[in-house]
Amino acid sequence: MLNNRIFTIDHDQLKFTASNAVVPDDEPIFVLLARDKNALSTIRSYQSTMRPTSDEWKVIQDVIDDFLKFKNENPVSMGTPDEIY
């Protein structure tokens, strides 16, 4: 299982947790890790395109909170993509 509430992995299939809909194998996805110093600004930029009253905005805010918690609890793990991947 992934470490968030948006997706789960079930029998080698990536699924949206809320709807249980499968992400097709031929659909590209992009993953950001909390240890990436650039991730928070990228997620905040994405969130800024949403209405603050939307459910999606609230879900992304939960992700931001999780990333901030990780950053605060794991400062030595943080780095740029060149350093951590």
Protein backbone atom coordinates (compact mmCIF):
# COMPACT_ATOMS: atom_id res chain seq x y z
CA MET A 1 0.00 0.00 0.00
CA LEU A 2 1.18 3.52 -0.75
CA ASN A 3 1.80 5.92 2.11
CA ASN A 4 -1.12 8.22 1.37
CA ARG A 5 -4.86 8.07 1.18
CA ILE A 6 -5.27 8.83 -2.53
CA PHE A 7 -4.05 5.56 -4.07
CA THR A 8 -3.74 1.94 -3.06
CA ILE A 9 -2.12 -1.02 -4.77
CA ASP A 10 -4.33 -4.07 -5.03
CA HIS A 11 -3.16 -7.19 -6.88
CA ASP A 12 -0.53 -5.17 -8.78
CA GLN A 13 -3.08 -2.55 -9.81
CA LEU A 14 -2.90 1.10 -8.80
CA LYS A 15 -6.35 2.24 -7.66
CA PHE A 16 -7.96 5.43 -6.45
CA THR A 17 -8.86 4.75 -2.83
CA ALA A 18 -12.12 6.71 -2.81
CA SER A 19 -13.67 5.15 -5.91
CA ASN A 20 -11.65 1.93 -6.25
CA ALA A 21 -11.19 2.86 -9.93
CA VAL A 22 -8.10 1.34 -11.53
CA VAL A 23 -5.47 3.60 -13.07
CA PRO A 24 -4.91 2.09 -16.53
CA ASP A 25 -1.49 0.56 -17.18
CA ASP A 26 -1.04 2.79 -20.23
CA GLU A 27 -1.73 6.05 -18.34
CA PRO A 28 1.43 7.88 -17.26
CA ILE A 29 1.71 8.89 -13.60
CA PHE A 30 4.13 11.14 -11.75
CA VAL A 31 5.26 10.52 -8.17
CA LEU A 32 6.86 12.95 -5.74
CA LEU A 33 8.61 11.73 -2.62
CA ALA A 34 8.42 13.71 0.62
CA ARG A 35 12.21 13.74 0.89
CA ASP A 36 12.45 15.80 -2.33
CA LYS A 37 13.12 19.42 -1.32
CA ASN A 38 11.21 20.60 -4.40
CA ALA A 39 8.10 18.51 -3.80
CA LEU A 40 6.24 20.85 -1.44
CA SER A 41 6.46 23.84 -3.74
CA THR A 42 5.32 21.68 -6.66
CA ILE A 43 2.33 20.34 -4.74
CA ARG A 44 1.41 23.81 -3.48
CA SER A 45 1.54 25.14 -7.03
CA TYR A 46 -0.78 22.33 -8.16
CA GLN A 47 -3.14 23.04 -5.26
CA SER A 48 -3.28 26.73 -6.21
CA THR A 49 -5.11 25.77 -9.41
CA MET A 50 -8.03 24.36 -7.38
CA ARG A 51 -10.96 26.02 -5.67
CA PRO A 52 -10.19 26.17 -1.92
CA THR A 53 -13.68 24.87 -1.17
CA SER A 54 -13.29 21.74 -3.31
CA ASP A 55 -12.80 18.25 -1.90
CA GLU A 56 -9.70 17.88 -4.08
CA TRP A 57 -8.12 20.97 -2.49
CA LYS A 58 -8.69 19.46 0.95
CA VAL A 59 -7.13 16.13 -0.11
CA ILE A 60 -4.07 17.94 -1.45
CA GLN A 61 -3.86 19.92 1.79
CA ASP A 62 -3.69 16.61 3.67
CA VAL A 63 -0.83 15.55 1.39
CA ILE A 64 0.96 18.84 2.06
CA ASP A 65 0.52 18.31 5.80
CA ASP A 66 1.97 14.79 5.48
CA PHE A 67 4.96 16.11 3.52
CA LEU A 68 5.56 18.84 6.11
CA LYS A 69 5.41 16.29 8.92
CA PHE A 70 7.94 14.09 7.11
CA LYS A 71 10.22 17.09 6.50
CA ASN A 72 10.12 18.08 10.18
CA GLU A 73 10.70 14.52 11.42
CA ASN A 74 13.39 13.61 8.85
CA PRO A 75 15.51 16.69 8.10
CA VAL A 76 18.62 14.66 7.19
CA SER A 77 16.64 12.75 4.55
CA MET A 78 15.80 15.86 2.57
CA GLY A 79 17.58 16.60 -0.69
CA THR A 80 17.30 17.63 -4.31
CA PRO A 81 16.39 15.02 -6.91
CA ASP A 82 20.06 14.77 -7.95
CA GLU A 83 20.99 13.89 -4.37
CA ILE A 84 18.24 11.42 -3.47
CA TYR A 85 17.31 9.45 -6.60
